[in-house]
Amino acid sequence: MLLERRSRDGILDGSITMLFRRWRRPQVVAGRTYRTTAGLLIVHAVDVVDPGALGEDDVRAAGYASADEVRADLRGDPGDPVYRLRVRRATGPDQRELLAGQRELTAEDAAELRRRLDRLDRASSHGSWTAAVLDAIAANPGRRAGDLADSFGRELQPFKVDVRKLKALGLTHSLEIGYRLSPRGEAYLRLSRSGRPAGG
């Protein structure tokens, strides 16, 4: 789930427990946990509301001073419904972050990563990409995603989807601008470049 900086900061400090989104159809499901820039976020409830009848409690819980501010911040087609999301930051460690923090990999760990990356390459409609993208991120930490995508002759959004697949394996971190390798990603590249595990 995408969060603007204001919402992210409010969720992190506990002052925001509600979000408003204008969507053609709901993009989240009540009871599920989503990864965001504020960490893992639990969505407790999702319902459609009339933006012209927002209550003061809802406005404050979303971090706004007035209902007019909420309505002014809504994006999307004015004809689409407005959803109210009751949210809470999940407690406990993010398992993906724990995975990304691994600084040492066994040969077996690296071989399993290689197999999973090979599967991503085989499933790709644009050929093998994982090794080249990992190398590009390693060489250009913090470079704009659009610039990285351009360097591969690719459109931005499909490129970002691919990078999220690497992040799901614990190999990269997203920055305010661009990406960097995680400790796990750096460990994997060290081993794969040495030739020790790359063949599986």
N, C-alpha and C. Protein backbone atom coordinates (compact mmCIF):
# COMPACT_ATOMS: atom_id res chain seq x y z
N MET A 1 0.84 -1.18 0.00
CA MET A 1 0.00 0.00 0.00
C MET A 1 0.89 1.24 0.00
N LEU A 2 0.56 2.21 -0.84
CA LEU A 2 1.34 3.43 -0.93
C LEU A 2 0.90 4.42 0.13
N LEU A 3 1.87 5.03 0.79
CA LEU A 3 1.59 6.04 1.80
C LEU A 3 2.36 7.31 1.45
N GLU A 4 1.67 8.44 1.51
CA GLU A 4 2.37 9.71 1.39
C GLU A 4 3.13 9.96 2.70
N ARG A 5 4.10 10.86 2.66
CA ARG A 5 4.97 11.06 3.82
C ARG A 5 4.18 11.47 5.06
N ARG A 6 3.17 12.32 4.91
CA ARG A 6 2.40 12.77 6.05
C ARG A 6 1.74 11.60 6.77
N SER A 7 1.11 10.70 5.99
CA SER A 7 0.46 9.55 6.59
C SER A 7 1.48 8.60 7.20
N ARG A 8 2.59 8.40 6.50
CA ARG A 8 3.63 7.51 7.02
C ARG A 8 4.13 7.98 8.38
N ASP A 9 4.45 9.27 8.48
CA ASP A 9 4.98 9.79 9.73
C ASP A 9 3.95 9.69 10.85
N GLY A 10 2.68 9.95 10.53
CA GLY A 10 1.63 9.86 11.54
C GLY A 10 1.39 8.44 12.01
N ILE A 11 1.48 7.49 11.10
CA ILE A 11 1.33 6.09 11.48
C ILE A 11 2.49 5.66 12.37
N LEU A 12 3.69 6.11 12.03
CA LEU A 12 4.86 5.76 12.82
C LEU A 12 4.79 6.30 14.24
N ASP A 13 4.26 7.53 14.39
CA ASP A 13 4.20 8.09 15.75
C ASP A 13 2.88 7.79 16.46
N GLY A 14 1.98 7.08 15.78
CA GLY A 14 0.74 6.66 16.40
C GLY A 14 -0.39 7.66 16.34
N SER A 15 -0.18 8.81 15.71
CA SER A 15 -1.22 9.84 15.68
C SER A 15 -2.26 9.60 14.58
N ILE A 16 -1.93 8.77 13.60
CA ILE A 16 -2.88 8.48 12.52
C ILE A 16 -3.30 7.02 12.58
N THR A 17 -4.60 6.81 12.64
CA THR A 17 -5.17 5.45 12.68
C THR A 17 -6.22 5.26 11.59
N MET A 18 -6.32 6.22 10.71
CA MET A 18 -7.34 6.14 9.67
C MET A 18 -6.80 6.75 8.38
N LEU A 19 -7.16 6.16 7.26
CA LEU A 19 -6.78 6.66 5.95
C LEU A 19 -8.02 6.77 5.08
N PHE A 20 -8.01 7.72 4.17
CA PHE A 20 -9.09 7.85 3.19
C PHE A 20 -8.50 7.71 1.80
N ARG A 21 -9.16 6.91 0.98
CA ARG A 21 -8.71 6.69 -0.39
C ARG A 21 -9.91 6.72 -1.33
N ARG A 22 -9.72 7.36 -2.49
CA ARG A 22 -10.74 7.31 -3.54
C ARG A 22 -10.27 6.29 -4.57
N TRP A 23 -10.97 5.18 -4.65
CA TRP A 23 -10.62 4.08 -5.54
C TRP A 23 -11.84 3.66 -6.34
N ARG A 24 -11.58 3.19 -7.54
CA ARG A 24 -12.67 2.63 -8.34
C ARG A 24 -13.22 1.37 -7.69
N ARG A 25 -12.30 0.59 -7.11
CA ARG A 25 -12.67 -0.60 -6.34
C ARG A 25 -11.68 -0.72 -5.19
N PRO A 26 -12.04 -1.38 -4.10
CA PRO A 26 -11.14 -1.44 -2.94
C PRO A 26 -9.82 -2.12 -3.29
N GLN A 27 -8.72 -1.55 -2.80
CA GLN A 27 -7.39 -2.07 -3.07
C GLN A 27 -6.81 -2.85 -1.89
N VAL A 28 -7.54 -2.87 -0.78
CA VAL A 28 -7.11 -3.62 0.40
C VAL A 28 -8.31 -4.37 0.95
N VAL A 29 -8.02 -5.36 1.81
CA VAL A 29 -9.06 -6.20 2.40
C VAL A 29 -8.94 -6.12 3.92
N ALA A 30 -10.06 -5.93 4.59
CA ALA A 30 -10.05 -5.86 6.05
C ALA A 30 -9.52 -7.16 6.63
N GLY A 31 -8.68 -7.03 7.66
CA GLY A 31 -8.12 -8.20 8.32
C GLY A 31 -6.77 -8.62 7.78
N ARG A 32 -6.31 -7.98 6.72
CA ARG A 32 -5.01 -8.35 6.15
C ARG A 32 -3.93 -7.34 6.56
N THR A 33 -2.68 -7.79 6.42
CA THR A 33 -1.53 -6.97 6.75
C THR A 33 -0.79 -6.64 5.47
N TYR A 34 -0.38 -5.37 5.34
CA TYR A 34 0.27 -4.90 4.12
C TYR A 34 1.62 -4.26 4.45
N ARG A 35 2.55 -4.41 3.53
CA ARG A 35 3.86 -3.78 3.68
C ARG A 35 3.78 -2.36 3.16
N THR A 36 4.27 -1.42 3.95
CA THR A 36 4.24 -0.02 3.57
C THR A 36 5.57 0.63 3.97
N THR A 37 5.72 1.90 3.63
CA THR A 37 6.91 2.63 4.05
C THR A 37 6.91 2.89 5.55
N ALA A 38 5.78 2.64 6.22
CA ALA A 38 5.71 2.75 7.68
C ALA A 38 5.86 1.38 8.34
N GLY A 39 6.25 0.38 7.56
CA GLY A 39 6.35 -0.97 8.08
C GLY A 39 5.09 -1.76 7.79
N LEU A 40 4.88 -2.83 8.53
CA LEU A 40 3.69 -3.65 8.33
C LEU A 40 2.49 -2.94 8.91
N LEU A 41 1.42 -2.86 8.10
CA LEU A 41 0.22 -2.14 8.49
C LEU A 41 -0.98 -3.09 8.44
N ILE A 42 -1.68 -3.18 9.57
CA ILE A 42 -2.88 -4.01 9.65
C ILE A 42 -4.08 -3.15 9.29
N VAL A 43 -4.89 -3.60 8.35
CA VAL A 43 -6.13 -2.91 8.00
C VAL A 43 -7.27 -3.62 8.74
N HIS A 44 -7.86 -2.93 9.71
CA HIS A 44 -8.89 -3.54 10.53
C HIS A 44 -10.27 -3.48 9.88
N ALA A 45 -10.54 -2.39 9.15
CA ALA A 45 -11.86 -2.23 8.56
C ALA A 45 -11.76 -1.38 7.31
N VAL A 46 -12.61 -1.67 6.35
CA VAL A 46 -12.69 -0.91 5.10
C VAL A 46 -14.16 -0.66 4.81
N ASP A 47 -14.55 0.60 4.69
CA ASP A 47 -15.94 0.87 4.33
C ASP A 47 -16.03 2.11 3.47
N VAL A 48 -17.12 2.20 2.71
CA VAL A 48 -17.36 3.34 1.84
C VAL A 48 -18.04 4.44 2.65
N VAL A 49 -17.54 5.68 2.47
CA VAL A 49 -18.11 6.80 3.21
C VAL A 49 -18.47 7.92 2.24
N ASP A 50 -19.34 8.80 2.71
CA ASP A 50 -19.70 10.00 1.97
C ASP A 50 -18.70 11.09 2.34
N PRO A 51 -17.85 11.52 1.40
CA PRO A 51 -16.84 12.53 1.75
C PRO A 51 -17.45 13.85 2.20
N GLY A 52 -18.71 14.08 1.87
CA GLY A 52 -19.37 15.31 2.29
C GLY A 52 -19.92 15.25 3.70
N ALA A 53 -19.79 14.09 4.34
CA ALA A 53 -20.37 13.94 5.68
C ALA A 53 -19.36 13.33 6.65
N LEU A 54 -18.11 13.71 6.53
CA LEU A 54 -17.08 13.17 7.40
C LEU A 54 -17.19 13.78 8.80
N GLY A 55 -17.06 12.91 9.81
CA GLY A 55 -17.15 13.38 11.18
C GLY A 55 -15.83 13.88 11.70
N GLU A 56 -15.91 14.68 12.78
CA GLU A 56 -14.70 15.27 13.35
C GLU A 56 -13.73 14.21 13.85
N ASP A 57 -14.26 13.12 14.44
CA ASP A 57 -13.38 12.07 14.96
C ASP A 57 -12.59 11.42 13.83
N ASP A 58 -13.27 11.16 12.70
CA ASP A 58 -12.59 10.55 11.55
C ASP A 58 -11.50 11.48 11.02
N VAL A 59 -11.82 12.75 10.93
CA VAL A 59 -10.87 13.73 10.40
C VAL A 59 -9.62 13.77 11.26
N ARG A 60 -9.80 13.83 12.59
CA ARG A 60 -8.65 13.88 13.49
C ARG A 60 -7.84 12.59 13.42
N ALA A 61 -8.53 11.44 13.35
CA ALA A 61 -7.83 10.16 13.30
C ALA A 61 -7.00 10.01 12.04
N ALA A 62 -7.38 10.76 10.99
CA ALA A 62 -6.62 10.72 9.73
C ALA A 62 -5.53 11.79 9.70
N GLY A 63 -5.43 12.59 10.76
CA GLY A 63 -4.36 13.57 10.84
C GLY A 63 -4.66 14.90 10.17
N TYR A 64 -5.94 15.21 9.96
CA TYR A 64 -6.32 16.47 9.32
C TYR A 64 -6.98 17.40 10.32
N ALA A 65 -6.96 18.69 9.98
CA ALA A 65 -7.59 19.69 10.83
C ALA A 65 -9.06 19.88 10.48
N SER A 66 -9.44 19.52 9.25
CA SER A 66 -10.83 19.72 8.82
C SER A 66 -11.20 18.71 7.74
N ALA A 67 -12.51 18.54 7.57
CA ALA A 67 -13.01 17.65 6.52
C ALA A 67 -12.66 18.21 5.14
N ASP A 68 -12.61 19.53 5.03
CA ASP A 68 -12.24 20.14 3.75
C ASP A 68 -10.83 19.73 3.34
N GLU A 69 -9.91 19.62 4.32
CA GLU A 69 -8.55 19.19 4.01
C GLU A 69 -8.54 17.75 3.50
N VAL A 70 -9.35 16.90 4.11
CA VAL A 70 -9.44 15.50 3.65
C VAL A 70 -9.91 15.48 2.21
N ARG A 71 -10.99 16.18 1.93
CA ARG A 71 -11.55 16.15 0.57
C ARG A 71 -10.57 16.73 -0.45
N ALA A 72 -9.83 17.76 -0.05
CA ALA A 72 -8.86 18.37 -0.97
C ALA A 72 -7.71 17.42 -1.28
N ASP A 73 -7.42 16.50 -0.36
CA ASP A 73 -6.29 15.57 -0.53
C ASP A 73 -6.67 14.32 -1.32
N LEU A 74 -7.95 14.07 -1.51
CA LEU A 74 -8.37 12.85 -2.21
C LEU A 74 -7.95 12.90 -3.66
N ARG A 75 -7.37 11.81 -4.14
CA ARG A 75 -6.94 11.71 -5.53
C ARG A 75 -7.89 10.79 -6.29
N GLY A 76 -7.82 10.85 -7.61
CA GLY A 76 -8.62 9.95 -8.42
C GLY A 76 -9.85 10.62 -9.00
N ASP A 77 -10.66 9.83 -9.67
CA ASP A 77 -11.87 10.31 -10.33
C ASP A 77 -12.90 10.71 -9.27
N PRO A 78 -13.41 11.93 -9.32
CA PRO A 78 -14.40 12.36 -8.32
C PRO A 78 -15.66 11.48 -8.28
N GLY A 79 -15.88 10.73 -9.34
CA GLY A 79 -17.05 9.85 -9.36
C GLY A 79 -16.84 8.52 -8.67
N ASP A 80 -15.59 8.22 -8.31
CA ASP A 80 -15.29 6.95 -7.64
C ASP A 80 -15.61 7.03 -6.15
N PRO A 81 -15.91 5.90 -5.53
CA PRO A 81 -16.24 5.91 -4.10
C PRO A 81 -15.02 6.24 -3.24
N VAL A 82 -15.30 6.76 -2.05
CA VAL A 82 -14.26 7.07 -1.07
C VAL A 82 -14.30 6.00 0.02
N TYR A 83 -13.13 5.41 0.29
CA TYR A 83 -13.02 4.35 1.28
C TYR A 83 -12.32 4.87 2.54
N ARG A 84 -12.87 4.46 3.68
CA ARG A 84 -12.25 4.76 4.97
C ARG A 84 -11.57 3.49 5.47
N LEU A 85 -10.28 3.60 5.76
CA LEU A 85 -9.50 2.45 6.22
C LEU A 85 -9.09 2.69 7.67
N ARG A 86 -9.47 1.78 8.55
CA ARG A 86 -9.00 1.84 9.93
C ARG A 86 -7.76 0.97 10.02
N VAL A 87 -6.64 1.58 10.43
CA VAL A 87 -5.35 0.90 10.33
C VAL A 87 -4.59 0.96 11.65
N ARG A 88 -3.64 0.06 11.77
CA ARG A 88 -2.74 0.04 12.92
C ARG A 88 -1.43 -0.58 12.48
N ARG A 89 -0.34 0.01 12.94
CA ARG A 89 0.97 -0.55 12.64
C ARG A 89 1.14 -1.87 13.38
N ALA A 90 1.59 -2.88 12.68
CA ALA A 90 1.78 -4.19 13.29
C ALA A 90 2.97 -4.16 14.22
N THR A 91 2.85 -4.88 15.33
CA THR A 91 3.97 -5.00 16.25
C THR A 91 4.78 -6.25 15.90
N GLY A 92 5.98 -6.31 16.42
CA GLY A 92 6.83 -7.46 16.13
C GLY A 92 7.67 -7.21 14.90
N PRO A 93 8.69 -8.02 14.71
CA PRO A 93 9.62 -7.82 13.60
C PRO A 93 9.00 -8.18 12.26
N ASP A 94 9.39 -7.45 11.24
CA ASP A 94 9.03 -7.76 9.87
C ASP A 94 9.98 -8.86 9.40
N GLN A 95 9.41 -10.02 9.11
CA GLN A 95 10.25 -11.16 8.74
C GLN A 95 11.07 -10.89 7.49
N ARG A 96 10.53 -10.11 6.58
CA ARG A 96 11.30 -9.80 5.37
C ARG A 96 12.50 -8.93 5.71
N GLU A 97 12.33 -8.00 6.67
CA GLU A 97 13.46 -7.18 7.08
C GLU A 97 14.52 -8.01 7.78
N LEU A 98 14.08 -8.98 8.59
CA LEU A 98 15.04 -9.86 9.24
C LEU A 98 15.83 -10.64 8.18
N LEU A 99 15.11 -11.12 7.16
CA LEU A 99 15.76 -11.85 6.08
C LEU A 99 16.76 -10.96 5.35
N ALA A 100 16.34 -9.73 5.04
CA ALA A 100 17.20 -8.81 4.31
C ALA A 100 18.46 -8.46 5.10
N GLY A 101 18.39 -8.56 6.43
CA GLY A 101 19.51 -8.19 7.26
C GLY A 101 20.60 -9.24 7.38
N GLN A 102 20.39 -10.40 6.77
CA GLN A 102 21.41 -11.47 6.84
C GLN A 102 22.70 -11.01 6.15
N ARG A 103 23.79 -11.05 6.89
CA ARG A 103 25.08 -10.62 6.33
C ARG A 103 25.93 -11.79 5.84
N GLU A 104 25.54 -13.00 6.23
CA GLU A 104 26.27 -14.19 5.82
C GLU A 104 25.28 -15.20 5.24
N LEU A 105 25.66 -15.82 4.15
CA LEU A 105 24.85 -16.85 3.52
C LEU A 105 25.66 -18.12 3.38
N THR A 106 25.01 -19.24 3.59
CA THR A 106 25.67 -20.50 3.29
C THR A 106 25.60 -20.73 1.79
N ALA A 107 26.38 -21.68 1.31
CA ALA A 107 26.32 -22.04 -0.11
C ALA A 107 24.93 -22.53 -0.47
N GLU A 108 24.27 -23.22 0.48
CA GLU A 108 22.92 -23.72 0.22
C GLU A 108 21.93 -22.56 0.11
N ASP A 109 22.07 -21.55 1.00
CA ASP A 109 21.21 -20.37 0.91
C ASP A 109 21.35 -19.69 -0.45
N ALA A 110 22.60 -19.50 -0.87
CA ALA A 110 22.86 -18.82 -2.13
C ALA A 110 22.36 -19.63 -3.32
N ALA A 111 22.50 -20.94 -3.25
CA ALA A 111 22.03 -21.79 -4.34
C ALA A 111 20.51 -21.73 -4.45
N GLU A 112 19.82 -21.68 -3.31
CA GLU A 112 18.35 -21.57 -3.34
C GLU A 112 17.94 -20.22 -3.91
N LEU A 113 18.64 -19.16 -3.54
CA LEU A 113 18.36 -17.86 -4.13
C LEU A 113 18.57 -17.89 -5.64
N ARG A 114 19.66 -18.53 -6.08
CA ARG A 114 19.94 -18.63 -7.51
C ARG A 114 18.80 -19.36 -8.23
N ARG A 115 18.30 -20.42 -7.62
CA ARG A 115 17.18 -21.14 -8.24
C ARG A 115 15.94 -20.25 -8.35
N ARG A 116 15.68 -19.49 -7.31
CA ARG A 116 14.50 -18.62 -7.34
C ARG A 116 14.66 -17.49 -8.34
N LEU A 117 15.86 -16.95 -8.44
CA LEU A 117 16.12 -15.92 -9.44
C LEU A 117 16.03 -16.49 -10.85
N ASP A 118 16.52 -17.70 -11.03
CA ASP A 118 16.40 -18.35 -12.34
C ASP A 118 14.94 -18.51 -12.74
N ARG A 119 14.09 -18.84 -11.76
CA ARG A 119 12.66 -18.97 -12.06
C ARG A 119 12.07 -17.63 -12.49
N LEU A 120 12.47 -16.55 -11.83
CA LEU A 120 12.00 -15.22 -12.25
C LEU A 120 12.47 -14.91 -13.67
N ASP A 121 13.71 -15.24 -13.98
CA ASP A 121 14.22 -15.01 -15.34
C ASP A 121 13.42 -15.81 -16.37
N ARG A 122 13.17 -17.08 -16.05
CA ARG A 122 12.45 -17.93 -17.02
C ARG A 122 11.01 -17.46 -17.23
N ALA A 123 10.40 -16.89 -16.18
CA ALA A 123 9.01 -16.46 -16.27
C ALA A 123 8.87 -15.09 -16.92
N SER A 124 9.98 -14.42 -17.15
CA SER A 124 9.95 -13.06 -17.67
C SER A 124 9.61 -13.02 -19.15
N SER A 125 8.83 -12.02 -19.54
CA SER A 125 8.51 -11.83 -20.96
C SER A 125 9.60 -11.03 -21.67
N HIS A 126 10.56 -10.51 -20.91
CA HIS A 126 11.61 -9.68 -21.52
C HIS A 126 13.00 -10.27 -21.29
N GLY A 127 13.07 -11.56 -21.05
CA GLY A 127 14.35 -12.23 -20.93
C GLY A 127 14.93 -12.15 -19.53
N SER A 128 16.12 -12.71 -19.36
CA SER A 128 16.78 -12.72 -18.06
C SER A 128 17.10 -11.29 -17.63
N TRP A 129 16.82 -10.99 -16.39
CA TRP A 129 17.00 -9.62 -15.91
C TRP A 129 17.57 -9.53 -14.49
N THR A 130 17.44 -10.58 -13.69
CA THR A 130 17.71 -10.45 -12.26
C THR A 130 19.17 -10.07 -11.98
N ALA A 131 20.13 -10.75 -12.62
CA ALA A 131 21.54 -10.48 -12.35
C ALA A 131 21.90 -9.06 -12.75
N ALA A 132 21.42 -8.62 -13.92
CA ALA A 132 21.75 -7.29 -14.41
C ALA A 132 21.17 -6.21 -13.50
N VAL A 133 19.94 -6.42 -13.02
CA VAL A 133 19.32 -5.41 -12.16
C VAL A 133 20.01 -5.37 -10.80
N LEU A 134 20.35 -6.53 -10.25
CA LEU A 134 21.09 -6.54 -8.98
C LEU A 134 22.43 -5.82 -9.14
N ASP A 135 23.13 -6.08 -10.23
CA ASP A 135 24.41 -5.41 -10.47
C ASP A 135 24.22 -3.90 -10.61
N ALA A 136 23.16 -3.48 -11.30
CA ALA A 136 22.92 -2.05 -11.50
C ALA A 136 22.61 -1.35 -10.18
N ILE A 137 21.83 -2.01 -9.33
CA ILE A 137 21.50 -1.42 -8.03
C ILE A 137 22.75 -1.35 -7.16
N ALA A 138 23.57 -2.41 -7.21
CA ALA A 138 24.82 -2.41 -6.44
C ALA A 138 25.73 -1.27 -6.87
N ALA A 139 25.78 -1.00 -8.16
CA ALA A 139 26.68 0.02 -8.68
C ALA A 139 26.11 1.43 -8.56
N ASN A 140 24.78 1.53 -8.36
CA ASN A 140 24.13 2.85 -8.37
C ASN A 140 23.15 3.00 -7.22
N PRO A 141 23.58 2.85 -5.97
CA PRO A 141 22.63 3.01 -4.86
C PRO A 141 22.06 4.42 -4.84
N GLY A 142 20.74 4.51 -4.68
CA GLY A 142 20.10 5.81 -4.62
C GLY A 142 19.81 6.44 -5.97
N ARG A 143 20.12 5.73 -7.04
CA ARG A 143 19.80 6.29 -8.36
C ARG A 143 18.29 6.19 -8.59
N ARG A 144 17.72 7.22 -9.22
CA ARG A 144 16.28 7.25 -9.46
C ARG A 144 15.83 5.99 -10.21
N ALA A 145 14.68 5.46 -9.77
CA ALA A 145 14.14 4.26 -10.41
C ALA A 145 13.91 4.49 -11.90
N GLY A 146 13.45 5.70 -12.24
CA GLY A 146 13.22 6.00 -13.65
C GLY A 146 14.50 5.96 -14.47
N ASP A 147 15.60 6.43 -13.87
CA ASP A 147 16.88 6.40 -14.58
C ASP A 147 17.37 4.96 -14.76
N LEU A 148 17.19 4.15 -13.71
CA LEU A 148 17.58 2.74 -13.83
C LEU A 148 16.75 2.05 -14.91
N ALA A 149 15.43 2.30 -14.89
CA ALA A 149 14.57 1.69 -15.90
C ALA A 149 15.01 2.10 -17.30
N ASP A 150 15.30 3.39 -17.47
CA ASP A 150 15.75 3.89 -18.79
C ASP A 150 17.03 3.20 -19.23
N SER A 151 17.92 2.93 -18.28
CA SER A 151 19.19 2.30 -18.65
C SER A 151 19.00 0.91 -19.20
N PHE A 152 17.84 0.29 -18.89
CA PHE A 152 17.52 -1.03 -19.43
C PHE A 152 16.52 -0.94 -20.59
N GLY A 153 16.17 0.28 -20.97
CA GLY A 153 15.19 0.45 -22.04
C GLY A 153 13.82 -0.04 -21.65
N ARG A 154 13.47 0.11 -20.38
CA ARG A 154 12.20 -0.42 -19.88
C ARG A 154 11.31 0.68 -19.35
N GLU A 155 10.00 0.41 -19.31
CA GLU A 155 9.05 1.34 -18.72
C GLU A 155 9.17 1.27 -17.20
N LEU A 156 8.87 2.39 -16.54
CA LEU A 156 9.12 2.50 -15.11
C LEU A 156 8.31 1.51 -14.28
N GLN A 157 7.01 1.46 -14.46
CA GLN A 157 6.19 0.64 -13.56
C GLN A 157 6.50 -0.85 -13.66
N PRO A 158 6.62 -1.44 -14.85
CA PRO A 158 7.02 -2.86 -14.90
C PRO A 158 8.39 -3.10 -14.29
N PHE A 159 9.30 -2.12 -14.45
CA PHE A 159 10.63 -2.26 -13.84
C PHE A 159 10.51 -2.28 -12.32
N LYS A 160 9.70 -1.38 -11.76
CA LYS A 160 9.52 -1.34 -10.31
C LYS A 160 8.88 -2.62 -9.78
N VAL A 161 7.99 -3.20 -10.56
CA VAL A 161 7.40 -4.49 -10.16
C VAL A 161 8.48 -5.55 -10.06
N ASP A 162 9.41 -5.56 -11.01
CA ASP A 162 10.51 -6.52 -10.96
C ASP A 162 11.39 -6.31 -9.73
N VAL A 163 11.69 -5.04 -9.42
CA VAL A 163 12.53 -4.77 -8.26
C VAL A 163 11.83 -5.22 -6.98
N ARG A 164 10.50 -5.08 -6.93
CA ARG A 164 9.77 -5.56 -5.75
C ARG A 164 9.91 -7.06 -5.59
N LYS A 165 10.07 -7.78 -6.68
CA LYS A 165 10.29 -9.23 -6.59
C LYS A 165 11.64 -9.52 -5.94
N LEU A 166 12.64 -8.70 -6.24
CA LEU A 166 13.93 -8.86 -5.58
C LEU A 166 13.83 -8.50 -4.11
N LYS A 167 13.04 -7.47 -3.80
CA LYS A 167 12.85 -7.08 -2.41
C LYS A 167 12.15 -8.18 -1.62
N ALA A 168 11.20 -8.87 -2.27
CA ALA A 168 10.50 -9.96 -1.60
C ALA A 168 11.43 -11.10 -1.23
N LEU A 169 12.55 -11.22 -1.94
CA LEU A 169 13.55 -12.23 -1.62
C LEU A 169 14.57 -11.72 -0.60
N GLY A 170 14.37 -10.48 -0.14
CA GLY A 170 15.27 -9.91 0.86
C GLY A 170 16.57 -9.39 0.28
N LEU A 171 16.60 -9.10 -1.02
CA LEU A 171 17.86 -8.72 -1.67
C LEU A 171 18.06 -7.22 -1.82
N THR A 172 16.99 -6.44 -1.75
CA THR A 172 17.10 -4.99 -1.93
C THR A 172 16.31 -4.25 -0.87
N HIS A 173 16.65 -2.98 -0.70
CA HIS A 173 15.89 -2.04 0.13
C HIS A 173 15.45 -0.89 -0.76
N SER A 174 14.23 -0.38 -0.52
CA SER A 174 13.79 0.84 -1.19
C SER A 174 14.23 2.04 -0.37
N LEU A 175 14.73 3.06 -1.05
CA LEU A 175 15.14 4.30 -0.42
C LEU A 175 14.13 5.40 -0.76
N GLU A 176 14.28 6.58 -0.17
CA GLU A 176 13.43 7.70 -0.56
C GLU A 176 13.54 7.94 -2.05
N ILE A 177 14.76 7.81 -2.57
CA ILE A 177 14.98 7.85 -4.02
C ILE A 177 15.79 6.61 -4.38
N GLY A 178 15.25 5.77 -5.24
CA GLY A 178 15.98 4.61 -5.73
C GLY A 178 16.05 3.46 -4.74
N TYR A 179 17.09 2.65 -4.89
CA TYR A 179 17.22 1.42 -4.14
C TYR A 179 18.68 1.22 -3.72
N ARG A 180 18.89 0.27 -2.84
CA ARG A 180 20.23 -0.22 -2.54
C ARG A 180 20.11 -1.71 -2.24
N LEU A 181 21.22 -2.41 -2.32
CA LEU A 181 21.21 -3.81 -1.93
C LEU A 181 21.10 -3.91 -0.42
N SER A 182 20.39 -4.92 0.05
CA SER A 182 20.36 -5.24 1.47
C SER A 182 21.65 -5.99 1.82
N PRO A 183 21.94 -6.16 3.11
CA PRO A 183 23.08 -7.01 3.47
C PRO A 183 22.99 -8.40 2.85
N ARG A 184 21.78 -8.95 2.79
CA ARG A 184 21.60 -10.26 2.17
C ARG A 184 21.93 -10.19 0.68
N GLY A 185 21.50 -9.12 0.02
CA GLY A 185 21.81 -8.95 -1.39
C GLY A 185 23.30 -8.81 -1.64
N GLU A 186 23.97 -8.06 -0.76
CA GLU A 186 25.42 -7.91 -0.90
C GLU A 186 26.13 -9.25 -0.69
N ALA A 187 25.66 -10.02 0.31
CA ALA A 187 26.27 -11.33 0.56
C ALA A 187 26.06 -12.25 -0.63
N TYR A 188 24.86 -12.20 -1.20
CA TYR A 188 24.58 -13.06 -2.37
C TYR A 188 25.49 -12.69 -3.54
N LEU A 189 25.62 -11.39 -3.81
CA LEU A 189 26.48 -10.99 -4.93
C LEU A 189 27.93 -11.40 -4.70
N ARG A 190 28.41 -11.24 -3.48
CA ARG A 190 29.80 -11.66 -3.20
C ARG A 190 30.00 -13.13 -3.53
N LEU A 191 29.08 -13.96 -3.10
CA LEU A 191 29.22 -15.40 -3.33
C LEU A 191 29.04 -15.74 -4.81
N SER A 192 28.05 -15.11 -5.45
CA SER A 192 27.81 -15.46 -6.85
C SER A 192 28.96 -14.99 -7.74
N ARG A 193 29.57 -13.85 -7.40
CA ARG A 193 30.70 -13.36 -8.20
C ARG A 193 31.94 -14.20 -7.98
N SER A 194 32.03 -14.83 -6.80
CA SER A 194 33.18 -15.68 -6.55
C SER A 194 33.07 -17.01 -7.30
N GLY A 195 31.85 -17.28 -7.80
CA GLY A 195 31.62 -18.52 -8.53
C GLY A 195 31.31 -19.70 -7.64
N ARG A 196 31.27 -19.47 -6.33
CA ARG A 196 31.05 -20.62 -5.43
C ARG A 196 29.65 -21.19 -5.49
N PRO A 197 28.58 -20.34 -5.40
CA PRO A 197 27.26 -20.95 -5.37
C PRO A 197 26.44 -20.77 -6.61
N ALA A 198 26.92 -19.95 -7.55
CA ALA A 198 26.04 -19.50 -8.61
C ALA A 198 25.46 -20.63 -9.44
N GLY A 199 26.16 -21.71 -9.55
CA GLY A 199 25.65 -22.82 -10.33
C GLY A 199 24.67 -23.68 -9.59
N GLY A 200 24.42 -23.41 -8.29
CA GLY A 200 23.43 -24.15 -7.52
C GLY A 200 24.01 -25.37 -6.90
